[in-house]
Amino acid sequence: MPMYYYLEEEDIYLFTTVGMKTHDIDANPEICLQVEEIHGPLHWRSVIVNGRASRLTEHSDIDRAMHLIKERNTTLSPAINRTWIDSEGRSEAIAIYRIHESEISGRTTDGVSSQQEPI
């Protein structure tokens, strides 16, 4: 499921609008996050984080996480624009999660072959 994210030291924050993703995460908070950086077919890096997502509920935590996420992702319009409630306009129904990492792994290529990356 595509989502916006922000990494801050040990914390990973996820942003999305309320819908099927939030329903699924709330029902089963054990998640896997994959982040890729691709420069070409033989030049890429990938990190996979397995962990447990907890939804932020305190307004101060939500505001802080949203500020961090917006710093990295200057436009959140693709996710927000899809959240329409009726002809009157859009709902600001957002959800922010913090991932508590349990396992992390990564791979990278050097232009010829891929290898495990120490994380």
PDB file of N, CA and C in Angstrom:
ATOM      1  N   MET A   1       0.838  -1.165   0.000  1.00  0.00           N
ATOM      2  CA  MET A   1       0.000   0.000   0.000  1.00  0.00           C
ATOM      3  C   MET A   1       0.891   1.238   0.000  1.00  0.00           C
ATOM      4  N   PRO A   2       0.834   2.072  -0.987  1.00  0.00           N
ATOM      5  CA  PRO A   2       1.666   3.280  -1.004  1.00  0.00           C
ATOM      6  C   PRO A   2       1.268   4.238   0.121  1.00  0.00           C
ATOM      7  N   MET A   3       2.269   4.778   0.803  1.00  0.00           N
ATOM      8  CA  MET A   3       2.036   5.736   1.889  1.00  0.00           C
ATOM      9  C   MET A   3       3.205   6.710   1.942  1.00  0.00           C
ATOM     10  N   TYR A   4       2.960   7.867   2.510  1.00  0.00           N
ATOM     11  CA  TYR A   4       4.038   8.805   2.803  1.00  0.00           C
ATOM     12  C   TYR A   4       4.687   8.373   4.107  1.00  0.00           C
ATOM     13  N   TYR A   5       5.993   8.606   4.232  1.00  0.00           N
ATOM     14  CA  TYR A   5       6.677   8.225   5.466  1.00  0.00           C
ATOM     15  C   TYR A   5       7.731   9.264   5.819  1.00  0.00           C
ATOM     16  N   TYR A   6       8.184   9.192   7.068  1.00  0.00           N
ATOM     17  CA  TYR A   6       9.296  10.021   7.529  1.00  0.00           C
ATOM     18  C   TYR A   6      10.082   9.206   8.540  1.00  0.00           C
ATOM     19  N   LEU A   7      11.397   9.182   8.389  1.00  0.00           N
ATOM     20  CA  LEU A   7      12.285   8.477   9.309  1.00  0.00           C
ATOM     21  C   LEU A   7      12.980   9.501  10.189  1.00  0.00           C
ATOM     22  N   GLU A   8      12.842   9.321  11.495  1.00  0.00           N
ATOM     23  CA  GLU A   8      13.509  10.200  12.456  1.00  0.00           C
ATOM     24  C   GLU A   8      14.186   9.326  13.504  1.00  0.00           C
ATOM     25  N   GLU A   9      15.490   9.174  13.378  1.00  0.00           N
ATOM     26  CA  GLU A   9      16.288   8.321  14.260  1.00  0.00           C
ATOM     27  C   GLU A   9      15.658   6.930  14.352  1.00  0.00           C
ATOM     28  N   GLU A  10      15.067   6.583  15.479  1.00  0.00           N
ATOM     29  CA  GLU A  10      14.481   5.247  15.657  1.00  0.00           C
ATOM     30  C   GLU A  10      13.013   5.184  15.250  1.00  0.00           C
ATOM     31  N   ASP A  11      12.395   6.323  15.009  1.00  0.00           N
ATOM     32  CA  ASP A  11      10.961   6.358  14.718  1.00  0.00           C
ATOM     33  C   ASP A  11      10.700   6.493  13.230  1.00  0.00           C
ATOM     34  N   ILE A  12       9.712   5.743  12.757  1.00  0.00           N
ATOM     35  CA  ILE A  12       9.232   5.858  11.383  1.00  0.00           C
ATOM     36  C   ILE A  12       7.762   6.235  11.472  1.00  0.00           C
ATOM     37  N   TYR A  13       7.387   7.322  10.802  1.00  0.00           N
ATOM     38  CA  TYR A  13       6.004   7.775  10.791  1.00  0.00           C
ATOM     39  C   TYR A  13       5.403   7.525   9.416  1.00  0.00           C
ATOM     40  N   LEU A  14       4.166   7.070   9.391  1.00  0.00           N
ATOM     41  CA  LEU A  14       3.428   6.849   8.150  1.00  0.00           C
ATOM     42  C   LEU A  14       2.226   7.774   8.122  1.00  0.00           C
ATOM     43  N   PHE A  15       1.933   8.336   6.959  1.00  0.00           N
ATOM     44  CA  PHE A  15       0.768   9.201   6.777  1.00  0.00           C
ATOM     45  C   PHE A  15      -0.121   8.629   5.687  1.00  0.00           C
ATOM     46  N   THR A  16      -1.411   8.634   5.932  1.00  0.00           N
ATOM     47  CA  THR A  16      -2.383   8.278   4.910  1.00  0.00           C
ATOM     48  C   THR A  16      -3.718   8.912   5.278  1.00  0.00           C
ATOM     49  N   THR A  17      -4.678   8.797   4.387  1.00  0.00           N
ATOM     50  CA  THR A  17      -6.028   9.226   4.704  1.00  0.00           C
ATOM     51  C   THR A  17      -6.831   8.004   5.129  1.00  0.00           C
ATOM     52  N   VAL A  18      -7.873   8.247   5.898  1.00  0.00           N
ATOM     53  CA  VAL A  18      -8.687   7.160   6.431  1.00  0.00           C
ATOM     54  C   VAL A  18      -9.381   6.429   5.286  1.00  0.00           C
ATOM     55  N   GLY A  19      -9.335   5.112   5.326  1.00  0.00           N
ATOM     56  CA  GLY A  19      -9.946   4.276   4.298  1.00  0.00           C
ATOM     57  C   GLY A  19      -9.541   2.831   4.498  1.00  0.00           C
ATOM     58  N   MET A  20      -9.411   2.098   3.411  1.00  0.00           N
ATOM     59  CA  MET A  20      -9.080   0.671   3.487  1.00  0.00           C
ATOM     60  C   MET A  20      -7.723   0.428   4.142  1.00  0.00           C
ATOM     61  N   LYS A  21      -6.732   1.267   3.854  1.00  0.00           N
ATOM     62  CA  LYS A  21      -5.407   1.074   4.466  1.00  0.00           C
ATOM     63  C   LYS A  21      -5.500   1.143   5.978  1.00  0.00           C
ATOM     64  N   THR A  22      -6.162   2.189   6.480  1.00  0.00           N
ATOM     65  CA  THR A  22      -6.258   2.341   7.930  1.00  0.00           C
ATOM     66  C   THR A  22      -7.088   1.222   8.541  1.00  0.00           C
ATOM     67  N   HIS A  23      -8.122   0.810   7.851  1.00  0.00           N
ATOM     68  CA  HIS A  23      -8.932  -0.317   8.331  1.00  0.00           C
ATOM     69  C   HIS A  23      -8.064  -1.564   8.473  1.00  0.00           C
ATOM     70  N   ASP A  24      -7.262  -1.854   7.452  1.00  0.00           N
ATOM     71  CA  ASP A  24      -6.402  -3.042   7.475  1.00  0.00           C
ATOM     72  C   ASP A  24      -5.308  -2.941   8.538  1.00  0.00           C
ATOM     73  N   ILE A  25      -4.668  -1.782   8.654  1.00  0.00           N
ATOM     74  CA  ILE A  25      -3.599  -1.620   9.649  1.00  0.00           C
ATOM     75  C   ILE A  25      -4.167  -1.700  11.065  1.00  0.00           C
ATOM     76  N   ASP A  26      -5.325  -1.078  11.290  1.00  0.00           N
ATOM     77  CA  ASP A  26      -5.932  -1.132  12.620  1.00  0.00           C
ATOM     78  C   ASP A  26      -6.331  -2.562  12.985  1.00  0.00           C
ATOM     79  N   ALA A  27      -6.764  -3.350  11.991  1.00  0.00           N
ATOM     80  CA  ALA A  27      -7.152  -4.743  12.240  1.00  0.00           C
ATOM     81  C   ALA A  27      -5.943  -5.637  12.470  1.00  0.00           C
ATOM     82  N   ASN A  28      -4.836  -5.339  11.787  1.00  0.00           N
ATOM     83  CA  ASN A  28      -3.611  -6.134  11.930  1.00  0.00           C
ATOM     84  C   ASN A  28      -2.412  -5.191  11.856  1.00  0.00           C
ATOM     85  N   PRO A  29      -1.930  -4.704  13.006  1.00  0.00           N
ATOM     86  CA  PRO A  29      -0.865  -3.702  13.002  1.00  0.00           C
ATOM     87  C   PRO A  29       0.531  -4.228  12.688  1.00  0.00           C
ATOM     88  N   GLU A  30       0.686  -5.533  12.476  1.00  0.00           N
ATOM     89  CA  GLU A  30       1.991  -6.076  12.078  1.00  0.00           C
ATOM     90  C   GLU A  30       2.198  -5.724  10.613  1.00  0.00           C
ATOM     91  N   ILE A  31       3.199  -4.884  10.331  1.00  0.00           N
ATOM     92  CA  ILE A  31       3.372  -4.403   8.961  1.00  0.00           C
ATOM     93  C   ILE A  31       4.799  -4.587   8.473  1.00  0.00           C
ATOM     94  N   CYS A  32       4.938  -4.430   7.167  1.00  0.00           N
ATOM     95  CA  CYS A  32       6.234  -4.457   6.498  1.00  0.00           C
ATOM     96  C   CYS A  32       6.294  -3.212   5.617  1.00  0.00           C
ATOM     97  N   LEU A  33       7.329  -2.406   5.805  1.00  0.00           N
ATOM     98  CA  LEU A  33       7.529  -1.199   5.008  1.00  0.00           C
ATOM     99  C   LEU A  33       8.749  -1.409   4.129  1.00  0.00           C
ATOM    100  N   GLN A  34       8.592  -1.195   2.831  1.00  0.00           N
ATOM    101  CA  GLN A  34       9.723  -1.274   1.908  1.00  0.00           C
ATOM    102  C   GLN A  34       9.942   0.103   1.303  1.00  0.00           C
ATOM    103  N   VAL A  35      11.197   0.551   1.330  1.00  0.00           N
ATOM    104  CA  VAL A  35      11.579   1.829   0.740  1.00  0.00           C
ATOM    105  C   VAL A  35      12.680   1.549  -0.267  1.00  0.00           C
ATOM    106  N   GLU A  36      12.532   2.115  -1.466  1.00  0.00           N
ATOM    107  CA  GLU A  36      13.521   1.912  -2.527  1.00  0.00           C
ATOM    108  C   GLU A  36      14.069   3.247  -3.004  1.00  0.00           C
ATOM    109  N   GLU A  37      15.322   3.223  -3.394  1.00  0.00           N
ATOM    110  CA  GLU A  37      15.952   4.346  -4.088  1.00  0.00           C
ATOM    111  C   GLU A  37      16.540   3.755  -5.360  1.00  0.00           C
ATOM    112  N   ILE A  38      15.991   4.149  -6.507  1.00  0.00           N
ATOM    113  CA  ILE A  38      16.378   3.541  -7.779  1.00  0.00           C
ATOM    114  C   ILE A  38      16.990   4.608  -8.684  1.00  0.00           C
ATOM    115  N   HIS A  39      18.222   4.336  -9.128  1.00  0.00           N
ATOM    116  CA  HIS A  39      18.897   5.234 -10.067  1.00  0.00           C
ATOM    117  C   HIS A  39      19.008   4.602 -11.454  1.00  0.00           C
ATOM    118  N   GLY A  40      18.729   3.325 -11.539  1.00  0.00           N
ATOM    119  CA  GLY A  40      18.798   2.584 -12.791  1.00  0.00           C
ATOM    120  C   GLY A  40      18.671   1.107 -12.493  1.00  0.00           C
ATOM    121  N   PRO A  41      18.569   0.270 -13.534  1.00  0.00           N
ATOM    122  CA  PRO A  41      18.359  -1.162 -13.331  1.00  0.00           C
ATOM    123  C   PRO A  41      19.446  -1.836 -12.493  1.00  0.00           C
ATOM    124  N   LEU A  42      20.663  -1.324 -12.550  1.00  0.00           N
ATOM    125  CA  LEU A  42      21.759  -1.928 -11.788  1.00  0.00           C
ATOM    126  C   LEU A  42      22.280  -1.016 -10.680  1.00  0.00           C
ATOM    127  N   HIS A  43      21.551   0.025 -10.379  1.00  0.00           N
ATOM    128  CA  HIS A  43      21.955   0.958  -9.328  1.00  0.00           C
ATOM    129  C   HIS A  43      20.743   1.292  -8.461  1.00  0.00           C
ATOM    130  N   TRP A  44      20.569   0.532  -7.387  1.00  0.00           N
ATOM    131  CA  TRP A  44      19.436   0.745  -6.500  1.00  0.00           C
ATOM    132  C   TRP A  44      19.771   0.296  -5.081  1.00  0.00           C
ATOM    133  N   ARG A  45      18.949   0.778  -4.152  1.00  0.00           N
ATOM    134  CA  ARG A  45      19.019   0.351  -2.754  1.00  0.00           C
ATOM    135  C   ARG A  45      17.600   0.083  -2.284  1.00  0.00           C
ATOM    136  N   SER A  46      17.457  -0.877  -1.394  1.00  0.00           N
ATOM    137  CA  SER A  46      16.150  -1.227  -0.865  1.00  0.00           C
ATOM    138  C   SER A  46      16.283  -1.589   0.610  1.00  0.00           C
ATOM    139  N   VAL A  47      15.361  -1.102   1.407  1.00  0.00           N
ATOM    140  CA  VAL A  47      15.322  -1.411   2.836  1.00  0.00           C
ATOM    141  C   VAL A  47      13.936  -1.934   3.169  1.00  0.00           C
ATOM    142  N   ILE A  48      13.886  -2.978   3.976  1.00  0.00           N
ATOM    143  CA  ILE A  48      12.620  -3.545   4.440  1.00  0.00           C
ATOM    144  C   ILE A  48      12.610  -3.493   5.961  1.00  0.00           C
ATOM    145  N   VAL A  49      11.538  -2.937   6.508  1.00  0.00           N
ATOM    146  CA  VAL A  49      11.356  -2.845   7.954  1.00  0.00           C
ATOM    147  C   VAL A  49      10.106  -3.624   8.321  1.00  0.00           C
ATOM    148  N   ASN A  50      10.248  -4.582   9.207  1.00  0.00           N
ATOM    149  CA  ASN A  50       9.104  -5.279   9.781  1.00  0.00           C
ATOM    150  C   ASN A  50       8.880  -4.709  11.169  1.00  0.00           C
ATOM    151  N   GLY A  51       7.628  -4.500  11.525  1.00  0.00           N
ATOM    152  CA  GLY A  51       7.348  -3.942  12.838  1.00  0.00           C
ATOM    153  C   GLY A  51       5.864  -3.871  13.116  1.00  0.00           C
ATOM    154  N   ARG A  52       5.553  -3.132  14.152  1.00  0.00           N
ATOM    155  CA  ARG A  52       4.173  -2.970  14.603  1.00  0.00           C
ATOM    156  C   ARG A  52       3.814  -1.487  14.507  1.00  0.00           C
ATOM    157  N   ALA A  53       2.690  -1.200  13.886  1.00  0.00           N
ATOM    158  CA  ALA A  53       2.237   0.178  13.720  1.00  0.00           C
ATOM    159  C   ALA A  53       1.251   0.541  14.822  1.00  0.00           C
ATOM    160  N   SER A  54       1.458   1.703  15.410  1.00  0.00           N
ATOM    161  CA  SER A  54       0.485   2.212  16.376  1.00  0.00           C
ATOM    162  C   SER A  54       0.014   3.577  15.887  1.00  0.00           C
ATOM    163  N   ARG A  55      -1.295   3.753  15.887  1.00  0.00           N
ATOM    164  CA  ARG A  55      -1.891   4.989  15.383  1.00  0.00           C
ATOM    165  C   ARG A  55      -1.737   6.089  16.430  1.00  0.00           C
ATOM    166  N   LEU A  56      -1.263   7.249  15.997  1.00  0.00           N
ATOM    167  CA  LEU A  56      -1.127   8.376  16.910  1.00  0.00           C
ATOM    168  C   LEU A  56      -2.501   8.957  17.208  1.00  0.00           C
ATOM    169  N   THR A  57      -2.735   9.291  18.474  1.00  0.00           N
ATOM    170  CA  THR A  57      -4.031   9.842  18.880  1.00  0.00           C
ATOM    171  C   THR A  57      -3.912  11.199  19.562  1.00  0.00           C
ATOM    172  N   GLU A  58      -2.752  11.493  20.136  1.00  0.00           N
ATOM    173  CA  GLU A  58      -2.549  12.786  20.805  1.00  0.00           C
ATOM    174  C   GLU A  58      -2.318  13.868  19.752  1.00  0.00           C
ATOM    175  N   HIS A  59      -3.050  14.978  19.881  1.00  0.00           N
ATOM    176  CA  HIS A  59      -2.942  16.049  18.885  1.00  0.00           C
ATOM    177  C   HIS A  59      -1.517  16.574  18.750  1.00  0.00           C
ATOM    178  N   SER A  60      -0.793  16.695  19.857  1.00  0.00           N
ATOM    179  CA  SER A  60       0.583  17.207  19.774  1.00  0.00           C
ATOM    180  C   SER A  60       1.479  16.239  19.000  1.00  0.00           C
ATOM    181  N   ASP A  61       1.292  14.923  19.193  1.00  0.00           N
ATOM    182  CA  ASP A  61       2.066  13.925  18.446  1.00  0.00           C
ATOM    183  C   ASP A  61       1.722  13.961  16.962  1.00  0.00           C
ATOM    184  N   ILE A  62       0.426  14.078  16.666  1.00  0.00           N
ATOM    185  CA  ILE A  62      -0.029  14.130  15.271  1.00  0.00           C
ATOM    186  C   ILE A  62       0.531  15.373  14.581  1.00  0.00           C
ATOM    187  N   ASP A  63       0.431  16.528  15.248  1.00  0.00           N
ATOM    188  CA  ASP A  63       0.933  17.778  14.661  1.00  0.00           C
ATOM    189  C   ASP A  63       2.430  17.702  14.398  1.00  0.00           C
ATOM    190  N   ARG A  64       3.181  17.174  15.358  1.00  0.00           N
ATOM    191  CA  ARG A  64       4.634  17.066  15.209  1.00  0.00           C
ATOM    192  C   ARG A  64       4.988  16.132  14.052  1.00  0.00           C
ATOM    193  N   ALA A  65       4.351  14.958  14.009  1.00  0.00           N
ATOM    194  CA  ALA A  65       4.625  13.992  12.943  1.00  0.00           C
ATOM    195  C   ALA A  65       4.219  14.558  11.583  1.00  0.00           C
ATOM    196  N   MET A  66       3.092  15.246  11.527  1.00  0.00           N
ATOM    197  CA  MET A  66       2.629  15.819  10.260  1.00  0.00           C
ATOM    198  C   MET A  66       3.615  16.879   9.766  1.00  0.00           C
ATOM    199  N   HIS A  67       4.147  17.675  10.679  1.00  0.00           N
ATOM    200  CA  HIS A  67       5.153  18.678  10.309  1.00  0.00           C
ATOM    201  C   HIS A  67       6.381  17.996   9.695  1.00  0.00           C
ATOM    202  N   LEU A  68       6.858  16.921  10.315  1.00  0.00           N
ATOM    203  CA  LEU A  68       8.022  16.194   9.802  1.00  0.00           C
ATOM    204  C   LEU A  68       7.738  15.588   8.430  1.00  0.00           C
ATOM    205  N   ILE A  69       6.576  14.983   8.286  1.00  0.00           N
ATOM    206  CA  ILE A  69       6.207  14.338   7.020  1.00  0.00           C
ATOM    207  C   ILE A  69       6.102  15.383   5.906  1.00  0.00           C
ATOM    208  N   LYS A  70       5.510  16.533   6.203  1.00  0.00           N
ATOM    209  CA  LYS A  70       5.379  17.590   5.192  1.00  0.00           C
ATOM    210  C   LYS A  70       6.732  18.187   4.813  1.00  0.00           C
ATOM    211  N   GLU A  71       7.695  18.186   5.747  1.00  0.00           N
ATOM    212  CA  GLU A  71       9.042  18.662   5.432  1.00  0.00           C
ATOM    213  C   GLU A  71       9.665  17.842   4.310  1.00  0.00           C
ATOM    214  N   ARG A  72       9.474  16.544   4.362  1.00  0.00           N
ATOM    215  CA  ARG A  72      10.074  15.636   3.377  1.00  0.00           C
ATOM    216  C   ARG A  72       9.209  15.498   2.128  1.00  0.00           C
ATOM    217  N   ASN A  73       7.910  15.551   2.288  1.00  0.00           N
ATOM    218  CA  ASN A  73       6.949  15.380   1.195  1.00  0.00           C
ATOM    219  C   ASN A  73       6.175  16.689   1.071  1.00  0.00           C
ATOM    220  N   THR A  74       6.691  17.603   0.272  1.00  0.00           N
ATOM    221  CA  THR A  74       6.139  18.958   0.243  1.00  0.00           C
ATOM    222  C   THR A  74       4.702  19.029  -0.247  1.00  0.00           C
ATOM    223  N   THR A  75       4.255  18.050  -0.992  1.00  0.00           N
ATOM    224  CA  THR A  75       2.849  18.024  -1.384  1.00  0.00           C
ATOM    225  C   THR A  75       2.255  16.675  -1.025  1.00  0.00           C
ATOM    226  N   LEU A  76       1.218  16.720  -0.235  1.00  0.00           N
ATOM    227  CA  LEU A  76       0.513  15.491   0.131  1.00  0.00           C
ATOM    228  C   LEU A  76      -0.791  15.389  -0.641  1.00  0.00           C
ATOM    229  N   SER A  77      -0.931  16.183  -1.695  1.00  0.00           N
ATOM    230  CA  SER A  77      -2.208  16.268  -2.394  1.00  0.00           C
ATOM    231  C   SER A  77      -2.711  14.965  -2.996  1.00  0.00           C
ATOM    232  N   PRO A  78      -1.870  14.053  -3.517  1.00  0.00           N
ATOM    233  CA  PRO A  78      -2.457  12.839  -4.078  1.00  0.00           C
ATOM    234  C   PRO A  78      -3.294  12.065  -3.062  1.00  0.00           C
ATOM    235  N   ALA A  79      -2.817  11.926  -1.847  1.00  0.00           N
ATOM    236  CA  ALA A  79      -3.579  11.198  -0.830  1.00  0.00           C
ATOM    237  C   ALA A  79      -4.766  12.020  -0.348  1.00  0.00           C
ATOM    238  N   ILE A  80      -4.560  13.290  -0.097  1.00  0.00           N
ATOM    239  CA  ILE A  80      -5.636  14.110   0.444  1.00  0.00           C
ATOM    240  C   ILE A  80      -6.734  14.335  -0.580  1.00  0.00           C
ATOM    241  N   ASN A  81      -6.397  14.535  -1.848  1.00  0.00           N
ATOM    242  CA  ASN A  81      -7.407  14.814  -2.865  1.00  0.00           C
ATOM    243  C   ASN A  81      -8.370  13.663  -3.093  1.00  0.00           C
ATOM    244  N   ARG A  82      -7.995  12.466  -2.713  1.00  0.00           N
ATOM    245  CA  ARG A  82      -8.878  11.322  -2.930  1.00  0.00           C
ATOM    246  C   ARG A  82      -9.889  11.148  -1.804  1.00  0.00           C
ATOM    247  N   THR A  83      -9.834  11.977  -0.787  1.00  0.00           N
ATOM    248  CA  THR A  83     -10.708  11.813   0.368  1.00  0.00           C
ATOM    249  C   THR A  83     -11.859  12.808   0.295  1.00  0.00           C
ATOM    250  N   TRP A  84     -12.834  12.511  -0.527  1.00  0.00           N
ATOM    251  CA  TRP A  84     -14.012  13.358  -0.663  1.00  0.00           C
ATOM    252  C   TRP A  84     -15.167  12.715   0.082  1.00  0.00           C
ATOM    253  N   ILE A  85     -15.928  13.531   0.814  1.00  0.00           N
ATOM    254  CA  ILE A  85     -17.052  12.969   1.548  1.00  0.00           C
ATOM    255  C   ILE A  85     -18.372  13.213   0.836  1.00  0.00           C
ATOM    256  N   ASP A  86     -18.491  14.325   0.137  1.00  0.00           N
ATOM    257  CA  ASP A  86     -19.711  14.628  -0.603  1.00  0.00           C
ATOM    258  C   ASP A  86     -19.454  15.849  -1.478  1.00  0.00           C
ATOM    259  N   SER A  87     -20.500  16.414  -2.053  1.00  0.00           N
ATOM    260  CA  SER A  87     -20.327  17.553  -2.948  1.00  0.00           C
ATOM    261  C   SER A  87     -19.881  18.814  -2.213  1.00  0.00           C
ATOM    262  N   GLU A  88     -19.943  18.802  -0.897  1.00  0.00           N
ATOM    263  CA  GLU A  88     -19.542  19.969  -0.108  1.00  0.00           C
ATOM    264  C   GLU A  88     -18.030  20.112   0.003  1.00  0.00           C
ATOM    265  N   GLY A  89     -17.295  19.055  -0.233  1.00  0.00           N
ATOM    266  CA  GLY A  89     -15.845  19.175  -0.124  1.00  0.00           C
ATOM    267  C   GLY A  89     -15.204  17.929   0.422  1.00  0.00           C
ATOM    268  N   ARG A  90     -14.008  18.100   0.908  1.00  0.00           N
ATOM    269  CA  ARG A  90     -13.213  16.953   1.293  1.00  0.00           C
ATOM    270  C   ARG A  90     -13.145  16.837   2.812  1.00  0.00           C
ATOM    271  N   SER A  91     -13.061  15.633   3.268  1.00  0.00           N
ATOM    272  CA  SER A  91     -12.859  15.350   4.682  1.00  0.00           C
ATOM    273  C   SER A  91     -11.366  15.415   4.974  1.00  0.00           C
ATOM    274  N   GLU A  92     -11.014  15.940   6.101  1.00  0.00           N
ATOM    275  CA  GLU A  92      -9.608  15.964   6.518  1.00  0.00           C
ATOM    276  C   GLU A  92      -9.332  14.759   7.411  1.00  0.00           C
ATOM    277  N   ALA A  93      -9.852  13.627   7.037  1.00  0.00           N
ATOM    278  CA  ALA A  93      -9.711  12.405   7.827  1.00  0.00           C
ATOM    279  C   ALA A  93      -8.357  11.774   7.534  1.00  0.00           C
ATOM    280  N   ILE A  94      -7.373  12.109   8.361  1.00  0.00           N
ATOM    281  CA  ILE A  94      -6.033  11.572   8.166  1.00  0.00           C
ATOM    282  C   ILE A  94      -5.694  10.604   9.287  1.00  0.00           C
ATOM    283  N   ALA A  95      -4.692   9.788   9.041  1.00  0.00           N
ATOM    284  CA  ALA A  95      -4.185   8.870  10.065  1.00  0.00           C
ATOM    285  C   ALA A  95      -2.667   8.883   9.984  1.00  0.00           C
ATOM    286  N   ILE A  96      -2.044   8.941  11.148  1.00  0.00           N
ATOM    287  CA  ILE A  96      -0.586   8.875  11.226  1.00  0.00           C
ATOM    288  C   ILE A  96      -0.226   7.754  12.185  1.00  0.00           C
ATOM    289  N   TYR A  97       0.697   6.920  11.742  1.00  0.00           N
ATOM    290  CA  TYR A  97       1.152   5.776  12.530  1.00  0.00           C
ATOM    291  C   TYR A  97       2.636   5.921  12.834  1.00  0.00           C
ATOM    292  N   ARG A  98       3.038   5.351  13.958  1.00  0.00           N
ATOM    293  CA  ARG A  98       4.457   5.222  14.295  1.00  0.00           C
ATOM    294  C   ARG A  98       4.772   3.731  14.226  1.00  0.00           C
ATOM    295  N   ILE A  99       5.849   3.391  13.517  1.00  0.00           N
ATOM    296  CA  ILE A  99       6.261   1.988  13.428  1.00  0.00           C
ATOM    297  C   ILE A  99       7.290   1.714  14.511  1.00  0.00           C
ATOM    298  N   HIS A 100       7.042   0.664  15.260  1.00  0.00           N
ATOM    299  CA  HIS A 100       8.014   0.164  16.225  1.00  0.00           C
ATOM    300  C   HIS A 100       8.725  -0.992  15.536  1.00  0.00           C
ATOM    301  N   GLU A 101       9.937  -0.741  15.095  1.00  0.00           N
ATOM    302  CA  GLU A 101      10.698  -1.687  14.269  1.00  0.00           C
ATOM    303  C   GLU A 101      11.101  -2.918  15.075  1.00  0.00           C
ATOM    304  N   SER A 102      10.904  -4.093  14.458  1.00  0.00           N
ATOM    305  CA  SER A 102      11.355  -5.336  15.084  1.00  0.00           C
ATOM    306  C   SER A 102      12.474  -5.991  14.275  1.00  0.00           C
ATOM    307  N   GLU A 103      12.502  -5.709  12.977  1.00  0.00           N
ATOM    308  CA  GLU A 103      13.542  -6.278  12.114  1.00  0.00           C
ATOM    309  C   GLU A 103      13.752  -5.348  10.928  1.00  0.00           C
ATOM    310  N   ILE A 104      15.006  -5.187  10.523  1.00  0.00           N
ATOM    311  CA  ILE A 104      15.316  -4.338   9.380  1.00  0.00           C
ATOM    312  C   ILE A 104      16.397  -5.019   8.548  1.00  0.00           C
ATOM    313  N   SER A 105      16.241  -4.968   7.228  1.00  0.00           N
ATOM    314  CA  SER A 105      17.240  -5.553   6.331  1.00  0.00           C
ATOM    315  C   SER A 105      17.309  -4.703   5.072  1.00  0.00           C
ATOM    316  N   GLY A 106      18.386  -4.869   4.323  1.00  0.00           N
ATOM    317  CA  GLY A 106      18.536  -4.079   3.114  1.00  0.00           C
ATOM    318  C   GLY A 106      19.418  -4.754   2.084  1.00  0.00           C
ATOM    319  N   ARG A 107      19.277  -4.296   0.852  1.00  0.00           N
ATOM    320  CA  ARG A 107      20.104  -4.775  -0.263  1.00  0.00           C
ATOM    321  C   ARG A 107      20.469  -3.566  -1.111  1.00  0.00           C
ATOM    322  N   THR A 108      21.582  -3.724  -1.820  1.00  0.00           N
ATOM    323  CA  THR A 108      22.024  -2.665  -2.719  1.00  0.00           C
ATOM    324  C   THR A 108      22.739  -3.297  -3.906  1.00  0.00           C
ATOM    325  N   THR A 109      22.854  -2.551  -4.988  1.00  0.00           N
ATOM    326  CA  THR A 109      23.630  -3.017  -6.134  1.00  0.00           C
ATOM    327  C   THR A 109      24.817  -2.099  -6.331  1.00  0.00           C
ATOM    328  N   ASP A 110      25.857  -2.656  -6.909  1.00  0.00           N
ATOM    329  CA  ASP A 110      27.059  -1.873  -7.206  1.00  0.00           C
ATOM    330  C   ASP A 110      27.225  -1.677  -8.704  1.00  0.00           C
ATOM    331  N   GLY A 111      26.168  -1.936  -9.453  1.00  0.00           N
ATOM    332  CA  GLY A 111      26.235  -1.815 -10.899  1.00  0.00           C
ATOM    333  C   GLY A 111      26.429  -3.147 -11.584  1.00  0.00           C
ATOM    334  N   VAL A 112      26.806  -4.178 -10.808  1.00  0.00           N
ATOM    335  CA  VAL A 112      27.030  -5.504 -11.378  1.00  0.00           C
ATOM    336  C   VAL A 112      26.178  -6.545 -10.666  1.00  0.00           C
ATOM    337  N   SER A 113      26.281  -6.597  -9.348  1.00  0.00           N
ATOM    338  CA  SER A 113      25.534  -7.601  -8.590  1.00  0.00           C
ATOM    339  C   SER A 113      24.948  -6.965  -7.338  1.00  0.00           C
ATOM    340  N   SER A 114      23.974  -7.641  -6.748  1.00  0.00           N
ATOM    341  CA  SER A 114      23.372  -7.126  -5.521  1.00  0.00           C
ATOM    342  C   SER A 114      24.025  -7.782  -4.316  1.00  0.00           C
ATOM    343  N   GLN A 115      23.934  -7.108  -3.186  1.00  0.00           N
ATOM    344  CA  GLN A 115      24.523  -7.635  -1.964  1.00  0.00           C
ATOM    345  C   GLN A 115      23.720  -7.169  -0.764  1.00  0.00           C
ATOM    346  N   GLN A 116      23.808  -7.925   0.341  1.00  0.00           N
ATOM    347  CA  GLN A 116      23.177  -7.513   1.594  1.00  0.00           C
ATOM    348  C   GLN A 116      23.876  -6.271   2.075  1.00  0.00           C
ATOM    349  N   GLU A 117      23.118  -5.388   2.622  1.00  0.00           N
ATOM    350  CA  GLU A 117      23.661  -4.133   3.118  1.00  0.00           C
ATOM    351  C   GLU A 117      23.568  -4.129   4.635  1.00  0.00           C
ATOM    352  N   PRO A 118      24.664  -3.857   5.348  1.00  0.00           N
ATOM    353  CA  PRO A 118      24.567  -3.758   6.806  1.00  0.00           C
ATOM    354  C   PRO A 118      23.719  -2.556   7.196  1.00  0.00           C
ATOM    355  N   ILE A 119      22.825  -2.770   8.120  1.00  0.00           N
ATOM    356  CA  ILE A 119      21.925  -1.691   8.531  1.00  0.00           C
ATOM    357  C   ILE A 119      22.094  -1.437  10.011  1.00  0.00           C
TER     358      ILE A 119
END
